[in-house]
Amino acid sequence: MTREKLKSLLAEYGNVAIYTYLVIWVATLAGFAIAISLGVKTEGVASGLGLAGAAWLATKLTQPLRIAGTLLATPLVAAGLRKLRGKPADNPSPQSPQ
């Protein structure tokens, strides 16, 4: 079901959906790298991978949450960009001719 929603999101929002996902991914990766470098204990497989590997593994484990975040955030980001650019919404309400 999520795959269908993601395809629908890409069809409707295009690059905005891709950039939203990438921003969430980079922020997550950087957040884990910072947390690990500051001393958050990593145990098991992640502890032997080094900082970049441990951060990547932790980021990969959060993929379902990042996809859900993308599904929720993309319409808001698109609306914000339209407002910032001064463009009207895609589906304006019909006006009666006067």
C-alpha atoms as a PDB file:
ATOM      1  CA  MET A   1       0.000   0.000   0.000  1.00  0.00           C
ATOM      2  CA  THR A   2       2.819   2.429   0.793  1.00  0.00           C
ATOM      3  CA  ARG A   3       4.446   1.795  -2.580  1.00  0.00           C
ATOM      4  CA  GLU A   4       1.197   2.820  -4.325  1.00  0.00           C
ATOM      5  CA  LYS A   5       0.950   5.958  -2.210  1.00  0.00           C
ATOM      6  CA  LEU A   6       4.557   6.809  -3.006  1.00  0.00           C
ATOM      7  CA  LYS A   7       3.966   6.386  -6.758  1.00  0.00           C
ATOM      8  CA  SER A   8       0.863   8.555  -6.533  1.00  0.00           C
ATOM      9  CA  LEU A   9       2.823  11.190  -4.597  1.00  0.00           C
ATOM     10  CA  LEU A  10       5.565  11.206  -7.239  1.00  0.00           C
ATOM     11  CA  ALA A  11       3.001  11.518 -10.011  1.00  0.00           C
ATOM     12  CA  GLU A  12       1.311  14.466  -8.319  1.00  0.00           C
ATOM     13  CA  TYR A  13       4.268  16.378  -6.867  1.00  0.00           C
ATOM     14  CA  GLY A  14       7.262  15.174  -8.913  1.00  0.00           C
ATOM     15  CA  ASN A  15      10.565  16.703  -7.875  1.00  0.00           C
ATOM     16  CA  VAL A  16       9.120  18.186  -4.687  1.00  0.00           C
ATOM     17  CA  ALA A  17       8.515  14.650  -3.370  1.00  0.00           C
ATOM     18  CA  ILE A  18      12.032  13.548  -4.326  1.00  0.00           C
ATOM     19  CA  TYR A  19      13.687  16.573  -2.749  1.00  0.00           C
ATOM     20  CA  THR A  20      11.560  16.234   0.391  1.00  0.00           C
ATOM     21  CA  TYR A  21      12.656  12.603   0.767  1.00  0.00           C
ATOM     22  CA  LEU A  22      16.312  13.510   0.169  1.00  0.00           C
ATOM     23  CA  VAL A  23      16.231  16.321   2.735  1.00  0.00           C
ATOM     24  CA  ILE A  24      14.716  13.966   5.313  1.00  0.00           C
ATOM     25  CA  TRP A  25      17.338  11.316   4.440  1.00  0.00           C
ATOM     26  CA  VAL A  26      20.296  13.714   4.734  1.00  0.00           C
ATOM     27  CA  ALA A  27      18.962  15.161   8.007  1.00  0.00           C
ATOM     28  CA  THR A  28      18.522  11.659   9.442  1.00  0.00           C
ATOM     29  CA  LEU A  29      21.976  10.531   8.321  1.00  0.00           C
ATOM     30  CA  ALA A  30      23.611  13.668   9.709  1.00  0.00           C
ATOM     31  CA  GLY A  31      21.655  13.381  12.942  1.00  0.00           C
ATOM     32  CA  PHE A  32      22.786   9.809  13.491  1.00  0.00           C
ATOM     33  CA  ALA A  33      26.393  10.667  12.586  1.00  0.00           C
ATOM     34  CA  ILE A  34      26.402  13.537  15.083  1.00  0.00           C
ATOM     35  CA  ALA A  35      24.738  11.446  17.785  1.00  0.00           C
ATOM     36  CA  ILE A  36      27.216   8.585  17.302  1.00  0.00           C
ATOM     37  CA  SER A  37      30.216  10.930  17.255  1.00  0.00           C
ATOM     38  CA  LEU A  38      29.003  12.536  20.493  1.00  0.00           C
ATOM     39  CA  GLY A  39      29.067   9.193  22.212  1.00  0.00           C
ATOM     40  CA  VAL A  40      25.697   7.527  21.810  1.00  0.00           C
ATOM     41  CA  LYS A  41      26.519   3.863  22.347  1.00  0.00           C
ATOM     42  CA  THR A  42      26.128   1.619  19.300  1.00  0.00           C
ATOM     43  CA  GLU A  43      26.136  -2.096  19.951  1.00  0.00           C
ATOM     44  CA  GLY A  44      26.230  -5.117  17.698  1.00  0.00           C
ATOM     45  CA  VAL A  45      26.962  -4.835  14.017  1.00  0.00           C
ATOM     46  CA  ALA A  46      26.867  -1.028  13.923  1.00  0.00           C
ATOM     47  CA  SER A  47      29.725  -0.692  16.419  1.00  0.00           C
ATOM     48  CA  GLY A  48      32.206  -2.353  14.027  1.00  0.00           C
ATOM     49  CA  LEU A  49      31.298  -0.304  10.978  1.00  0.00           C
ATOM     50  CA  GLY A  50      32.794   3.017  11.952  1.00  0.00           C
ATOM     51  CA  LEU A  51      30.962   6.307  12.130  1.00  0.00           C
ATOM     52  CA  ALA A  52      29.750   6.491   8.509  1.00  0.00           C
ATOM     53  CA  GLY A  53      28.677   2.846   8.401  1.00  0.00           C
ATOM     54  CA  ALA A  54      26.881   2.999  11.730  1.00  0.00           C
ATOM     55  CA  ALA A  55      25.066   6.202  10.712  1.00  0.00           C
ATOM     56  CA  TRP A  56      24.088   4.664   7.352  1.00  0.00           C
ATOM     57  CA  LEU A  57      22.803   1.491   9.038  1.00  0.00           C
ATOM     58  CA  ALA A  58      20.766   3.470  11.564  1.00  0.00           C
ATOM     59  CA  THR A  59      19.387   5.632   8.744  1.00  0.00           C
ATOM     60  CA  LYS A  60      18.481   2.542   6.715  1.00  0.00           C
ATOM     61  CA  LEU A  61      16.579   1.120   9.688  1.00  0.00           C
ATOM     62  CA  THR A  62      14.446   4.265   9.799  1.00  0.00           C
ATOM     63  CA  GLN A  63      13.432   4.015   6.121  1.00  0.00           C
ATOM     64  CA  PRO A  64       9.738   3.165   6.769  1.00  0.00           C
ATOM     65  CA  LEU A  65       9.465   6.194   9.054  1.00  0.00           C
ATOM     66  CA  ARG A  66      11.196   8.427   6.503  1.00  0.00           C
ATOM     67  CA  ILE A  67       8.823   7.273   3.753  1.00  0.00           C
ATOM     68  CA  ALA A  68       5.848   7.977   6.009  1.00  0.00           C
ATOM     69  CA  GLY A  69       7.316  11.398   6.796  1.00  0.00           C
ATOM     70  CA  THR A  70       7.719  12.089   3.088  1.00  0.00           C
ATOM     71  CA  LEU A  71       4.105  11.115   2.415  1.00  0.00           C
ATOM     72  CA  LEU A  72       2.954  13.526   5.115  1.00  0.00           C
ATOM     73  CA  ALA A  73       5.358  16.389   4.461  1.00  0.00           C
ATOM     74  CA  THR A  74       5.350  16.624   0.654  1.00  0.00           C
ATOM     75  CA  PRO A  75       1.876  18.207   0.274  1.00  0.00           C
ATOM     76  CA  LEU A  76       2.796  20.752   2.960  1.00  0.00           C
ATOM     77  CA  VAL A  77       6.135  21.533   1.326  1.00  0.00           C
ATOM     78  CA  ALA A  78       4.473  21.899  -2.097  1.00  0.00           C
ATOM     79  CA  ALA A  79       1.839  24.239  -0.660  1.00  0.00           C
ATOM     80  CA  GLY A  80       4.542  26.289   1.056  1.00  0.00           C
ATOM     81  CA  LEU A  81       6.539  26.559  -2.158  1.00  0.00           C
ATOM     82  CA  ARG A  82       3.457  27.645  -4.114  1.00  0.00           C
ATOM     83  CA  LYS A  83       2.725  30.302  -1.513  1.00  0.00           C
ATOM     84  CA  LEU A  84       6.352  31.448  -1.480  1.00  0.00           C
ATOM     85  CA  ARG A  85       6.392  31.726  -5.269  1.00  0.00           C
ATOM     86  CA  GLY A  86       3.026  33.472  -5.322  1.00  0.00           C
ATOM     87  CA  LYS A  87       1.367  30.840  -7.484  1.00  0.00           C
ATOM     88  CA  PRO A  88      -2.299  29.965  -7.007  1.00  0.00           C
ATOM     89  CA  ALA A  89      -3.306  26.462  -5.948  1.00  0.00           C
ATOM     90  CA  ASP A  90      -3.521  23.822  -8.692  1.00  0.00           C
ATOM     91  CA  ASN A  91      -7.268  23.405  -8.280  1.00  0.00           C
ATOM     92  CA  PRO A  92      -8.815  26.848  -7.834  1.00  0.00           C
ATOM     93  CA  SER A  93     -12.485  26.944  -7.055  1.00  0.00           C
ATOM     94  CA  PRO A  94     -14.615  27.601 -10.117  1.00  0.00           C
ATOM     95  CA  GLN A  95     -15.731  31.188 -10.518  1.00  0.00           C
ATOM     96  CA  SER A  96     -19.040  32.085 -12.060  1.00  0.00           C
ATOM     97  CA  PRO A  97     -18.750  34.433 -15.051  1.00  0.00           C
ATOM     98  CA  GLN A  98     -19.964  37.939 -14.371  1.00  0.00           C
END
